[in-house]
Structure formats: C-alpha cells, structure tokens
Protein backbone atom coordinates (compact mmCIF):
# COMPACT_ATOMS: atom_id res chain seq x y z
CA MET A 1 -111.16 -20.46 -2.42
CA HIS A 2 -113.38 -18.15 -4.44
CA THR A 3 -111.77 -16.99 -7.65
CA THR A 4 -113.05 -13.91 -9.39
CA ARG A 5 -112.65 -13.26 -13.09
CA LYS A 6 -110.86 -10.01 -12.33
CA SER A 7 -108.26 -11.58 -10.04
CA LEU A 8 -107.68 -14.49 -12.43
CA GLY A 9 -107.43 -12.12 -15.40
CA LEU A 10 -104.81 -10.02 -13.62
CA LEU A 11 -102.88 -13.11 -12.58
CA SER A 12 -102.89 -14.42 -16.15
CA LEU A 13 -101.49 -11.10 -17.39
CA ARG A 14 -98.74 -11.34 -14.77
CA LEU A 15 -97.95 -14.87 -15.91
CA GLU A 16 -97.73 -13.78 -19.55
CA GLN A 17 -95.40 -10.89 -18.64
CA MET A 18 -93.15 -13.25 -16.72
CA LEU A 19 -93.09 -15.68 -19.63
CA GLN A 20 -92.09 -12.86 -21.96
CA ARG A 21 -89.16 -12.02 -19.67
CA HIS A 22 -88.11 -15.69 -19.75
CA GLY A 23 -88.32 -15.78 -23.56
CA VAL A 24 -91.22 -18.23 -23.74
CA LEU A 25 -93.62 -15.69 -25.26
CA ASP A 26 -92.60 -13.28 -28.00
CA GLY A 27 -93.44 -9.58 -28.30
CA GLN A 28 -96.89 -10.42 -29.67
CA VAL A 29 -97.48 -12.69 -26.66
CA GLN A 30 -97.32 -15.83 -28.77
CA MET A 31 -95.40 -18.99 -27.92
CA GLU A 32 -91.91 -18.97 -29.38
CA SER A 33 -91.76 -21.58 -32.11
CA SER A 34 -88.18 -22.66 -31.44
CA LYS A 35 -87.89 -26.05 -29.78
CA THR A 36 -91.61 -26.63 -30.06
CA GLY A 37 -92.88 -28.67 -27.14
CA GLU A 38 -89.80 -28.11 -25.01
CA LEU A 39 -89.06 -25.63 -22.28
CA SER A 40 -85.55 -24.37 -21.66
CA VAL A 41 -83.50 -26.39 -19.18
CA GLU A 42 -83.76 -23.54 -16.67
CA LEU A 43 -87.55 -23.44 -16.94
CA GLN A 44 -87.81 -27.22 -16.82
CA HIS A 45 -85.92 -27.08 -13.53
CA ARG A 46 -88.03 -24.23 -12.12
CA LEU A 47 -91.31 -25.80 -13.20
CA ALA A 48 -90.46 -29.38 -12.29
CA GLY A 49 -93.53 -31.04 -10.84
CA LEU A 50 -95.83 -28.28 -12.11
CA LEU A 51 -95.67 -28.40 -15.90
CA GLU A 52 -93.88 -30.84 -18.16
CA ASN A 53 -93.91 -29.07 -21.53
CA LYS A 54 -95.00 -26.06 -23.54
CA ALA A 55 -98.34 -27.67 -24.38
CA GLU A 56 -99.37 -27.68 -20.73
CA LEU A 57 -98.15 -24.12 -20.31
CA LYS A 58 -100.03 -23.06 -23.43
CA GLY A 59 -103.22 -24.57 -22.01
CA LEU A 60 -102.82 -22.55 -18.82
CA ILE A 61 -102.25 -19.38 -20.84
CA GLU A 62 -105.36 -20.11 -22.92
CA VAL A 63 -107.54 -20.46 -19.82
CA GLY A 64 -106.34 -17.03 -18.66
CA ARG A 65 -107.11 -15.52 -22.05
CA GLU A 66 -110.57 -17.09 -22.06
CA VAL A 67 -111.25 -15.50 -18.68
CA ARG A 68 -110.15 -12.10 -19.97
CA ARG A 69 -112.40 -12.50 -23.02
CA GLY A 70 -115.35 -13.18 -20.74
CA LYS A 71 -115.85 -16.77 -21.91
CA PRO A 72 -117.87 -18.95 -19.54
CA LEU A 73 -115.74 -21.21 -17.35
CA SER A 74 -116.80 -23.31 -14.42
CA PRO A 75 -115.79 -22.21 -10.93
CA ALA A 76 -113.74 -25.42 -10.60
CA VAL A 77 -111.71 -24.60 -13.73
CA MET A 78 -111.16 -21.02 -12.58
CA ASN A 79 -110.05 -22.13 -9.10
CA ALA A 80 -107.68 -24.75 -10.52
CA ALA A 81 -106.24 -22.23 -12.98
CA GLN A 82 -105.72 -19.69 -10.20
CA ILE A 83 -103.82 -22.17 -8.04
CA MET A 84 -101.69 -23.35 -10.95
CA MET A 85 -100.93 -19.81 -12.14
CA GLU A 86 -99.91 -18.77 -8.62
CA GLU A 87 -97.55 -21.73 -8.37
CA VAL A 88 -96.07 -21.19 -11.83
CA CYS A 89 -95.55 -17.47 -11.16
CA GLY A 90 -93.87 -18.33 -7.86
CA ALA A 91 -91.57 -20.79 -9.60
CA LEU A 92 -90.72 -18.27 -12.33
CA GLU A 93 -89.86 -15.70 -9.68
CA GLY A 94 -87.46 -18.21 -8.21
CA GLY A 95 -89.49 -18.65 -5.06
CA LYS A 96 -90.81 -21.86 -3.66
CA THR A 97 -94.10 -23.19 -4.90
CA LYS A 98 -96.96 -24.01 -2.54
CA GLN A 99 -96.95 -27.52 -1.19
C-alpha cells in the first residue's frame, strides 16, 4: 500500500472530527482532560483490540498532525498510521474493522 501525505492528512482530519463527535476531543481539537488515560466504556468496546487507552489514541492523532504539518515521516510509519486510522474510523462509525 502506498500512502500519500494528502490521503493520510485527510484521513487524520476525518478521525479528529469523529473523535469530536464522540466527545474525546474538545472544540479546540484537544484531548478532553476528564478521566485522563481512559476512554469511555462505549469507545473501549468499539476500539477493543485496536487501542487500549487515550495515550495510544493521542499518538495516532499526533502522527496525523505531523503529516499535515509536513514533518518528515518514514513510509512505514505513514502506512501503519493509515491502516490504523482506517480501522479506528471504521470502529467509530460502528462498522466492522478490517481483519
């Protein structure tokens, strides 16, 4: 899979919008400080097997932001981020994740 910066940047924006709708990110697109380190029970269920806590989710968000800022990232990191973002977005939409 060849990941482009543009496609990964757009996917990361989609992920952030979805996280805002689920109350994980606030209006300034920052992590909500309540229950630091924990995801809601609903999100824990949806993201089971993908992400375990907010720290992992924050790392994924940061990779997307780095891409949008034009920071250098290896193709392997970009490909892994793309796959993970696609799976997390699918889980947040209530769909099945890729297996």
